[in-house]
Amino acid sequence: MADKNNFNETMLFKADKDQEKDIREILTTVYKSLEEKGYKPTGQIVGYLLSGDPTYITAHNGARKLIRTVDRDRILEELLEKYINE
């Protein structure tokens, strides 16, 4: 039986440069909000990305709502891309 969904083939994903900028701005805003509240931003953001639990991110300055506007997988992709290329 043929696989109609082509799940056995590699898919090409191309990032939008504007979305990359938006993710950077969102992470920067969230990071600063966590710092202002006395949290260790890196640990909190990693906790959110791994678990999906939004309570890792403070509601201060709308940071929790802001970070949830971007899919966690998209954030991880962007972070990995930047890490590998720099």
PDB file of N, CA and C in Angstrom:
ATOM      1  N   MET A   1       0.841  -1.188   0.000  1.00  0.00           N
ATOM      2  CA  MET A   1       0.000   0.000   0.000  1.00  0.00           C
ATOM      3  C   MET A   1       0.879   1.241   0.000  1.00  0.00           C
ATOM      4  N   ALA A   2       0.601   2.174  -0.856  1.00  0.00           N
ATOM      5  CA  ALA A   2       1.414   3.384  -0.991  1.00  0.00           C
ATOM      6  C   ALA A   2       1.132   4.350   0.151  1.00  0.00           C
ATOM      7  N   ASP A   3       2.182   5.044   0.562  1.00  0.00           N
ATOM      8  CA  ASP A   3       2.069   6.047   1.625  1.00  0.00           C
ATOM      9  C   ASP A   3       1.667   7.378   1.004  1.00  0.00           C
ATOM     10  N   LYS A   4       0.403   7.734   1.124  1.00  0.00           N
ATOM     11  CA  LYS A   4      -0.118   8.943   0.491  1.00  0.00           C
ATOM     12  C   LYS A   4       0.385  10.219   1.148  1.00  0.00           C
ATOM     13  N   ASN A   5       0.818  10.158   2.410  1.00  0.00           N
ATOM     14  CA  ASN A   5       1.232  11.351   3.141  1.00  0.00           C
ATOM     15  C   ASN A   5       2.722  11.653   3.017  1.00  0.00           C
ATOM     16  N   ASN A   6       3.490  10.786   2.395  1.00  0.00           N
ATOM     17  CA  ASN A   6       4.930  10.981   2.210  1.00  0.00           C
ATOM     18  C   ASN A   6       5.665  11.209   3.524  1.00  0.00           C
ATOM     19  N   PHE A   7       5.284  10.494   4.582  1.00  0.00           N
ATOM     20  CA  PHE A   7       5.941  10.646   5.869  1.00  0.00           C
ATOM     21  C   PHE A   7       7.354  10.073   5.872  1.00  0.00           C
ATOM     22  N   ASN A   8       7.704   9.344   4.831  1.00  0.00           N
ATOM     23  CA  ASN A   8       9.029   8.765   4.741  1.00  0.00           C
ATOM     24  C   ASN A   8      10.018   9.679   4.029  1.00  0.00           C
ATOM     25  N   GLU A   9       9.567  10.813   3.589  1.00  0.00           N
ATOM     26  CA  GLU A   9      10.420  11.760   2.884  1.00  0.00           C
ATOM     27  C   GLU A   9      10.759  12.944   3.786  1.00  0.00           C
ATOM     28  N   THR A  10      11.934  13.485   3.601  1.00  0.00           N
ATOM     29  CA  THR A  10      12.365  14.657   4.359  1.00  0.00           C
ATOM     30  C   THR A  10      11.666  15.893   3.812  1.00  0.00           C
ATOM     31  N   MET A  11      11.129  16.693   4.726  1.00  0.00           N
ATOM     32  CA  MET A  11      10.436  17.914   4.339  1.00  0.00           C
ATOM     33  C   MET A  11      11.396  19.098   4.468  1.00  0.00           C
ATOM     34  N   LEU A  12      11.286  20.063   3.596  1.00  0.00           N
ATOM     35  CA  LEU A  12      12.099  21.265   3.636  1.00  0.00           C
ATOM     36  C   LEU A  12      11.340  22.350   4.378  1.00  0.00           C
ATOM     37  N   PHE A  13      11.999  22.926   5.386  1.00  0.00           N
ATOM     38  CA  PHE A  13      11.391  24.012   6.143  1.00  0.00           C
ATOM     39  C   PHE A  13      12.250  25.242   5.955  1.00  0.00           C
ATOM     40  N   LYS A  14      11.644  26.337   5.561  1.00  0.00           N
ATOM     41  CA  LYS A  14      12.377  27.578   5.332  1.00  0.00           C
ATOM     42  C   LYS A  14      11.843  28.643   6.275  1.00  0.00           C
ATOM     43  N   ALA A  15      12.745  29.232   7.040  1.00  0.00           N
ATOM     44  CA  ALA A  15      12.357  30.245   8.023  1.00  0.00           C
ATOM     45  C   ALA A  15      12.222  31.612   7.365  1.00  0.00           C
ATOM     46  N   ASP A  16      11.299  32.362   7.850  1.00  0.00           N
ATOM     47  CA  ASP A  16      11.073  33.724   7.394  1.00  0.00           C
ATOM     48  C   ASP A  16      11.954  34.659   8.221  1.00  0.00           C
ATOM     49  N   LYS A  17      12.703  35.539   7.577  1.00  0.00           N
ATOM     50  CA  LYS A  17      13.615  36.451   8.282  1.00  0.00           C
ATOM     51  C   LYS A  17      12.871  37.362   9.255  1.00  0.00           C
ATOM     52  N   ASP A  18      11.665  37.796   8.913  1.00  0.00           N
ATOM     53  CA  ASP A  18      10.888  38.640   9.820  1.00  0.00           C
ATOM     54  C   ASP A  18      10.507  37.865  11.079  1.00  0.00           C
ATOM     55  N   GLN A  19      10.193  36.584  10.914  1.00  0.00           N
ATOM     56  CA  GLN A  19       9.834  35.772  12.061  1.00  0.00           C
ATOM     57  C   GLN A  19      11.044  35.564  12.966  1.00  0.00           C
ATOM     58  N   GLU A  20      12.238  35.428  12.382  1.00  0.00           N
ATOM     59  CA  GLU A  20      13.461  35.297  13.173  1.00  0.00           C
ATOM     60  C   GLU A  20      13.659  36.541  14.046  1.00  0.00           C
ATOM     61  N   LYS A  21      13.433  37.706  13.470  1.00  0.00           N
ATOM     62  CA  LYS A  21      13.568  38.959  14.202  1.00  0.00           C
ATOM     63  C   LYS A  21      12.536  39.020  15.330  1.00  0.00           C
ATOM     64  N   ASP A  22      11.314  38.607  15.028  1.00  0.00           N
ATOM     65  CA  ASP A  22      10.259  38.614  16.035  1.00  0.00           C
ATOM     66  C   ASP A  22      10.606  37.689  17.205  1.00  0.00           C
ATOM     67  N   ILE A  23      11.137  36.515  16.898  1.00  0.00           N
ATOM     68  CA  ILE A  23      11.500  35.576  17.957  1.00  0.00           C
ATOM     69  C   ILE A  23      12.600  36.164  18.830  1.00  0.00           C
ATOM     70  N   ARG A  24      13.580  36.792  18.216  1.00  0.00           N
ATOM     71  CA  ARG A  24      14.652  37.443  18.985  1.00  0.00           C
ATOM     72  C   ARG A  24      14.077  38.512  19.909  1.00  0.00           C
ATOM     73  N   GLU A  25      13.188  39.340  19.391  1.00  0.00           N
ATOM     74  CA  GLU A  25      12.585  40.407  20.187  1.00  0.00           C
ATOM     75  C   GLU A  25      11.748  39.828  21.331  1.00  0.00           C
ATOM     76  N   ILE A  26      11.001  38.788  21.040  1.00  0.00           N
ATOM     77  CA  ILE A  26      10.172  38.152  22.064  1.00  0.00           C
ATOM     78  C   ILE A  26      11.042  37.561  23.163  1.00  0.00           C
ATOM     79  N   LEU A  27      12.072  36.816  22.784  1.00  0.00           N
ATOM     80  CA  LEU A  27      12.951  36.221  23.791  1.00  0.00           C
ATOM     81  C   LEU A  27      13.671  37.289  24.615  1.00  0.00           C
ATOM     82  N   THR A  28      14.070  38.361  23.974  1.00  0.00           N
ATOM     83  CA  THR A  28      14.737  39.456  24.692  1.00  0.00           C
ATOM     84  C   THR A  28      13.789  40.091  25.705  1.00  0.00           C
ATOM     85  N   THR A  29      12.563  40.340  25.304  1.00  0.00           N
ATOM     86  CA  THR A  29      11.568  40.933  26.203  1.00  0.00           C
ATOM     87  C   THR A  29      11.272  40.003  27.374  1.00  0.00           C
ATOM     88  N   VAL A  30      11.070  38.720  27.076  1.00  0.00           N
ATOM     89  CA  VAL A  30      10.780  37.738  28.117  1.00  0.00           C
ATOM     90  C   VAL A  30      11.966  37.621  29.072  1.00  0.00           C
ATOM     91  N   TYR A  31      13.169  37.580  28.539  1.00  0.00           N
ATOM     92  CA  TYR A  31      14.387  37.486  29.344  1.00  0.00           C
ATOM     93  C   TYR A  31      14.476  38.662  30.324  1.00  0.00           C
ATOM     94  N   LYS A  32      14.266  39.861  29.811  1.00  0.00           N
ATOM     95  CA  LYS A  32      14.338  41.062  30.661  1.00  0.00           C
ATOM     96  C   LYS A  32      13.249  41.056  31.735  1.00  0.00           C
ATOM     97  N   SER A  33      12.060  40.607  31.382  1.00  0.00           N
ATOM     98  CA  SER A  33      10.973  40.540  32.360  1.00  0.00           C
ATOM     99  C   SER A  33      11.299  39.551  33.479  1.00  0.00           C
ATOM    100  N   LEU A  34      11.873  38.409  33.112  1.00  0.00           N
ATOM    101  CA  LEU A  34      12.274  37.422  34.123  1.00  0.00           C
ATOM    102  C   LEU A  34      13.363  37.984  35.027  1.00  0.00           C
ATOM    103  N   GLU A  35      14.319  38.693  34.450  1.00  0.00           N
ATOM    104  CA  GLU A  35      15.383  39.329  35.242  1.00  0.00           C
ATOM    105  C   GLU A  35      14.795  40.333  36.235  1.00  0.00           C
ATOM    106  N   GLU A  36      13.871  41.161  35.753  1.00  0.00           N
ATOM    107  CA  GLU A  36      13.249  42.176  36.602  1.00  0.00           C
ATOM    108  C   GLU A  36      12.556  41.563  37.809  1.00  0.00           C
ATOM    109  N   LYS A  37      12.006  40.370  37.628  1.00  0.00           N
ATOM    110  CA  LYS A  37      11.306  39.695  38.721  1.00  0.00           C
ATOM    111  C   LYS A  37      12.247  38.853  39.589  1.00  0.00           C
ATOM    112  N   GLY A  38      13.551  38.846  39.263  1.00  0.00           N
ATOM    113  CA  GLY A  38      14.535  38.158  40.088  1.00  0.00           C
ATOM    114  C   GLY A  38      14.744  36.687  39.753  1.00  0.00           C
ATOM    115  N   TYR A  39      14.247  36.250  38.615  1.00  0.00           N
ATOM    116  CA  TYR A  39      14.428  34.860  38.191  1.00  0.00           C
ATOM    117  C   TYR A  39      15.721  34.721  37.396  1.00  0.00           C
ATOM    118  N   LYS A  40      16.177  33.474  37.239  1.00  0.00           N
ATOM    119  CA  LYS A  40      17.294  33.166  36.345  1.00  0.00           C
ATOM    120  C   LYS A  40      16.675  32.886  34.973  1.00  0.00           C
ATOM    121  N   PRO A  41      16.728  33.867  34.073  1.00  0.00           N
ATOM    122  CA  PRO A  41      15.996  33.774  32.807  1.00  0.00           C
ATOM    123  C   PRO A  41      16.304  32.533  31.969  1.00  0.00           C
ATOM    124  N   THR A  42      17.563  32.169  31.866  1.00  0.00           N
ATOM    125  CA  THR A  42      17.919  31.027  31.029  1.00  0.00           C
ATOM    126  C   THR A  42      17.225  29.762  31.520  1.00  0.00           C
ATOM    127  N   GLY A  43      17.302  29.499  32.799  1.00  0.00           N
ATOM    128  CA  GLY A  43      16.678  28.307  33.367  1.00  0.00           C
ATOM    129  C   GLY A  43      15.170  28.303  33.203  1.00  0.00           C
ATOM    130  N   GLN A  44      14.563  29.461  33.377  1.00  0.00           N
ATOM    131  CA  GLN A  44      13.107  29.558  33.249  1.00  0.00           C
ATOM    132  C   GLN A  44      12.653  29.317  31.809  1.00  0.00           C
ATOM    133  N   ILE A  45      13.382  29.900  30.871  1.00  0.00           N
ATOM    134  CA  ILE A  45      13.017  29.734  29.465  1.00  0.00           C
ATOM    135  C   ILE A  45      13.234  28.281  29.029  1.00  0.00           C
ATOM    136  N   VAL A  46      14.335  27.683  29.459  1.00  0.00           N
ATOM    137  CA  VAL A  46      14.585  26.273  29.135  1.00  0.00           C
ATOM    138  C   VAL A  46      13.475  25.406  29.730  1.00  0.00           C
ATOM    139  N   GLY A  47      13.083  25.671  30.958  1.00  0.00           N
ATOM    140  CA  GLY A  47      11.999  24.921  31.580  1.00  0.00           C
ATOM    141  C   GLY A  47      10.720  25.013  30.772  1.00  0.00           C
ATOM    142  N   TYR A  48      10.410  26.200  30.306  1.00  0.00           N
ATOM    143  CA  TYR A  48       9.215  26.390  29.476  1.00  0.00           C
ATOM    144  C   TYR A  48       9.328  25.626  28.156  1.00  0.00           C
ATOM    145  N   LEU A  49      10.482  25.757  27.493  1.00  0.00           N
ATOM    146  CA  LEU A  49      10.647  25.111  26.191  1.00  0.00           C
ATOM    147  C   LEU A  49      10.581  23.592  26.294  1.00  0.00           C
ATOM    148  N   LEU A  50      11.128  23.031  27.352  1.00  0.00           N
ATOM    149  CA  LEU A  50      11.123  21.576  27.503  1.00  0.00           C
ATOM    150  C   LEU A  50       9.770  21.024  27.946  1.00  0.00           C
ATOM    151  N   SER A  51       9.096  21.750  28.824  1.00  0.00           N
ATOM    152  CA  SER A  51       7.857  21.218  29.401  1.00  0.00           C
ATOM    153  C   SER A  51       6.584  21.743  28.744  1.00  0.00           C
ATOM    154  N   GLY A  52       6.654  22.941  28.213  1.00  0.00           N
ATOM    155  CA  GLY A  52       5.450  23.570  27.670  1.00  0.00           C
ATOM    156  C   GLY A  52       4.610  24.243  28.742  1.00  0.00           C
ATOM    157  N   ASP A  53       5.072  24.199  29.975  1.00  0.00           N
ATOM    158  CA  ASP A  53       4.329  24.790  31.088  1.00  0.00           C
ATOM    159  C   ASP A  53       4.572  26.301  31.119  1.00  0.00           C
ATOM    160  N   PRO A  54       3.556  27.096  30.820  1.00  0.00           N
ATOM    161  CA  PRO A  54       3.735  28.546  30.753  1.00  0.00           C
ATOM    162  C   PRO A  54       4.036  29.210  32.099  1.00  0.00           C
ATOM    163  N   THR A  55       3.827  28.483  33.198  1.00  0.00           N
ATOM    164  CA  THR A  55       4.107  29.101  34.503  1.00  0.00           C
ATOM    165  C   THR A  55       5.600  29.278  34.763  1.00  0.00           C
ATOM    166  N   TYR A  56       6.442  28.723  33.911  1.00  0.00           N
ATOM    167  CA  TYR A  56       7.876  29.007  34.008  1.00  0.00           C
ATOM    168  C   TYR A  56       8.178  30.454  33.642  1.00  0.00           C
ATOM    169  N   ILE A  57       7.262  31.077  32.916  1.00  0.00           N
ATOM    170  CA  ILE A  57       7.448  32.451  32.450  1.00  0.00           C
ATOM    171  C   ILE A  57       6.548  33.384  33.254  1.00  0.00           C
ATOM    172  N   THR A  58       7.137  34.446  33.754  1.00  0.00           N
ATOM    173  CA  THR A  58       6.381  35.423  34.542  1.00  0.00           C
ATOM    174  C   THR A  58       5.324  36.119  33.677  1.00  0.00           C
ATOM    175  N   ALA A  59       4.261  36.529  34.321  1.00  0.00           N
ATOM    176  CA  ALA A  59       3.231  37.316  33.637  1.00  0.00           C
ATOM    177  C   ALA A  59       3.622  38.798  33.604  1.00  0.00           C
ATOM    178  N   HIS A  60       4.684  39.153  34.309  1.00  0.00           N
ATOM    179  CA  HIS A  60       5.184  40.532  34.367  1.00  0.00           C
ATOM    180  C   HIS A  60       5.424  41.075  32.952  1.00  0.00           C
ATOM    181  N   ASN A  61       4.926  42.243  32.681  1.00  0.00           N
ATOM    182  CA  ASN A  61       5.057  42.905  31.368  1.00  0.00           C
ATOM    183  C   ASN A  61       4.458  42.094  30.219  1.00  0.00           C
ATOM    184  N   GLY A  62       3.556  41.178  30.526  1.00  0.00           N
ATOM    185  CA  GLY A  62       2.915  40.381  29.487  1.00  0.00           C
ATOM    186  C   GLY A  62       3.829  39.330  28.872  1.00  0.00           C
ATOM    187  N   ALA A  63       4.921  38.980  29.578  1.00  0.00           N
ATOM    188  CA  ALA A  63       5.911  38.054  29.031  1.00  0.00           C
ATOM    189  C   ALA A  63       5.321  36.673  28.738  1.00  0.00           C
ATOM    190  N   ARG A  64       4.491  36.169  29.638  1.00  0.00           N
ATOM    191  CA  ARG A  64       3.907  34.838  29.440  1.00  0.00           C
ATOM    192  C   ARG A  64       3.020  34.812  28.192  1.00  0.00           C
ATOM    193  N   LYS A  65       2.217  35.806  28.055  1.00  0.00           N
ATOM    194  CA  LYS A  65       1.327  35.888  26.888  1.00  0.00           C
ATOM    195  C   LYS A  65       2.145  36.055  25.607  1.00  0.00           C
ATOM    196  N   LEU A  66       3.201  36.845  25.685  1.00  0.00           N
ATOM    197  CA  LEU A  66       4.042  37.118  24.527  1.00  0.00           C
ATOM    198  C   LEU A  66       4.755  35.861  24.029  1.00  0.00           C
ATOM    199  N   ILE A  67       5.370  35.113  24.933  1.00  0.00           N
ATOM    200  CA  ILE A  67       6.126  33.930  24.505  1.00  0.00           C
ATOM    201  C   ILE A  67       5.208  32.866  23.921  1.00  0.00           C
ATOM    202  N   ARG A  68       3.963  32.859  24.342  1.00  0.00           N
ATOM    203  CA  ARG A  68       3.019  31.859  23.835  1.00  0.00           C
ATOM    204  C   ARG A  68       2.499  32.195  22.435  1.00  0.00           C
ATOM    205  N   THR A  69       2.889  33.353  21.893  1.00  0.00           N
ATOM    206  CA  THR A  69       2.493  33.709  20.533  1.00  0.00           C
ATOM    207  C   THR A  69       3.334  32.978  19.488  1.00  0.00           C
ATOM    208  N   VAL A  70       4.439  32.364  19.941  1.00  0.00           N
ATOM    209  CA  VAL A  70       5.326  31.632  19.031  1.00  0.00           C
ATOM    210  C   VAL A  70       5.369  30.172  19.460  1.00  0.00           C
ATOM    211  N   ASP A  71       5.261  29.276  18.507  1.00  0.00           N
ATOM    212  CA  ASP A  71       5.335  27.854  18.787  1.00  0.00           C
ATOM    213  C   ASP A  71       6.692  27.508  19.403  1.00  0.00           C
ATOM    214  N   ARG A  72       6.697  26.685  20.441  1.00  0.00           N
ATOM    215  CA  ARG A  72       7.950  26.303  21.111  1.00  0.00           C
ATOM    216  C   ARG A  72       8.933  25.651  20.154  1.00  0.00           C
ATOM    217  N   ASP A  73       8.442  24.823  19.251  1.00  0.00           N
ATOM    218  CA  ASP A  73       9.326  24.186  18.277  1.00  0.00           C
ATOM    219  C   ASP A  73      10.021  25.233  17.408  1.00  0.00           C
ATOM    220  N   ARG A  74       9.297  26.257  17.062  1.00  0.00           N
ATOM    221  CA  ARG A  74       9.870  27.338  16.230  1.00  0.00           C
ATOM    222  C   ARG A  74      10.977  28.064  16.986  1.00  0.00           C
ATOM    223  N   ILE A  75      10.784  28.295  18.276  1.00  0.00           N
ATOM    224  CA  ILE A  75      11.816  28.936  19.096  1.00  0.00           C
ATOM    225  C   ILE A  75      13.057  28.051  19.150  1.00  0.00           C
ATOM    226  N   LEU A  76      12.863  26.761  19.384  1.00  0.00           N
ATOM    227  CA  LEU A  76      13.996  25.832  19.444  1.00  0.00           C
ATOM    228  C   LEU A  76      14.744  25.771  18.116  1.00  0.00           C
ATOM    229  N   GLU A  77      14.022  25.746  17.017  1.00  0.00           N
ATOM    230  CA  GLU A  77      14.652  25.748  15.702  1.00  0.00           C
ATOM    231  C   GLU A  77      15.519  26.980  15.514  1.00  0.00           C
ATOM    232  N   GLU A  78      14.991  28.117  15.893  1.00  0.00           N
ATOM    233  CA  GLU A  78      15.718  29.374  15.738  1.00  0.00           C
ATOM    234  C   GLU A  78      16.969  29.395  16.618  1.00  0.00           C
ATOM    235  N   LEU A  79      16.849  28.944  17.852  1.00  0.00           N
ATOM    236  CA  LEU A  79      18.000  28.910  18.754  1.00  0.00           C
ATOM    237  C   LEU A  79      19.090  27.978  18.225  1.00  0.00           C
ATOM    238  N   LEU A  80      18.696  26.809  17.758  1.00  0.00           N
ATOM    239  CA  LEU A  80      19.661  25.858  17.212  1.00  0.00           C
ATOM    240  C   LEU A  80      20.347  26.417  15.978  1.00  0.00           C
ATOM    241  N   GLU A  81      19.575  27.019  15.097  1.00  0.00           N
ATOM    242  CA  GLU A  81      20.140  27.623  13.878  1.00  0.00           C
ATOM    243  C   GLU A  81      21.180  28.682  14.225  1.00  0.00           C
ATOM    244  N   LYS A  82      20.862  29.552  15.158  1.00  0.00           N
ATOM    245  CA  LYS A  82      21.802  30.600  15.556  1.00  0.00           C
ATOM    246  C   LYS A  82      23.038  30.007  16.203  1.00  0.00           C
ATOM    247  N   TYR A  83      22.873  29.003  17.034  1.00  0.00           N
ATOM    248  CA  TYR A  83      24.001  28.370  17.728  1.00  0.00           C
ATOM    249  C   TYR A  83      24.946  27.696  16.734  1.00  0.00           C
ATOM    250  N   ILE A  84      24.401  26.973  15.788  1.00  0.00           N
ATOM    251  CA  ILE A  84      25.217  26.263  14.800  1.00  0.00           C
ATOM    252  C   ILE A  84      25.947  27.226  13.876  1.00  0.00           C
ATOM    253  N   ASN A  85      25.303  28.298  13.492  1.00  0.00           N
ATOM    254  CA  ASN A  85      25.884  29.225  12.535  1.00  0.00           C
ATOM    255  C   ASN A  85      26.823  30.271  13.129  1.00  0.00           C
ATOM    256  N   GLU A  86      26.935  30.315  14.436  1.00  0.00           N
ATOM    257  CA  GLU A  86      27.839  31.318  15.034  1.00  0.00           C
ATOM    258  C   GLU A  86      28.982  30.684  15.740  1.00  0.00           C
TER     259      GLU A  86
END
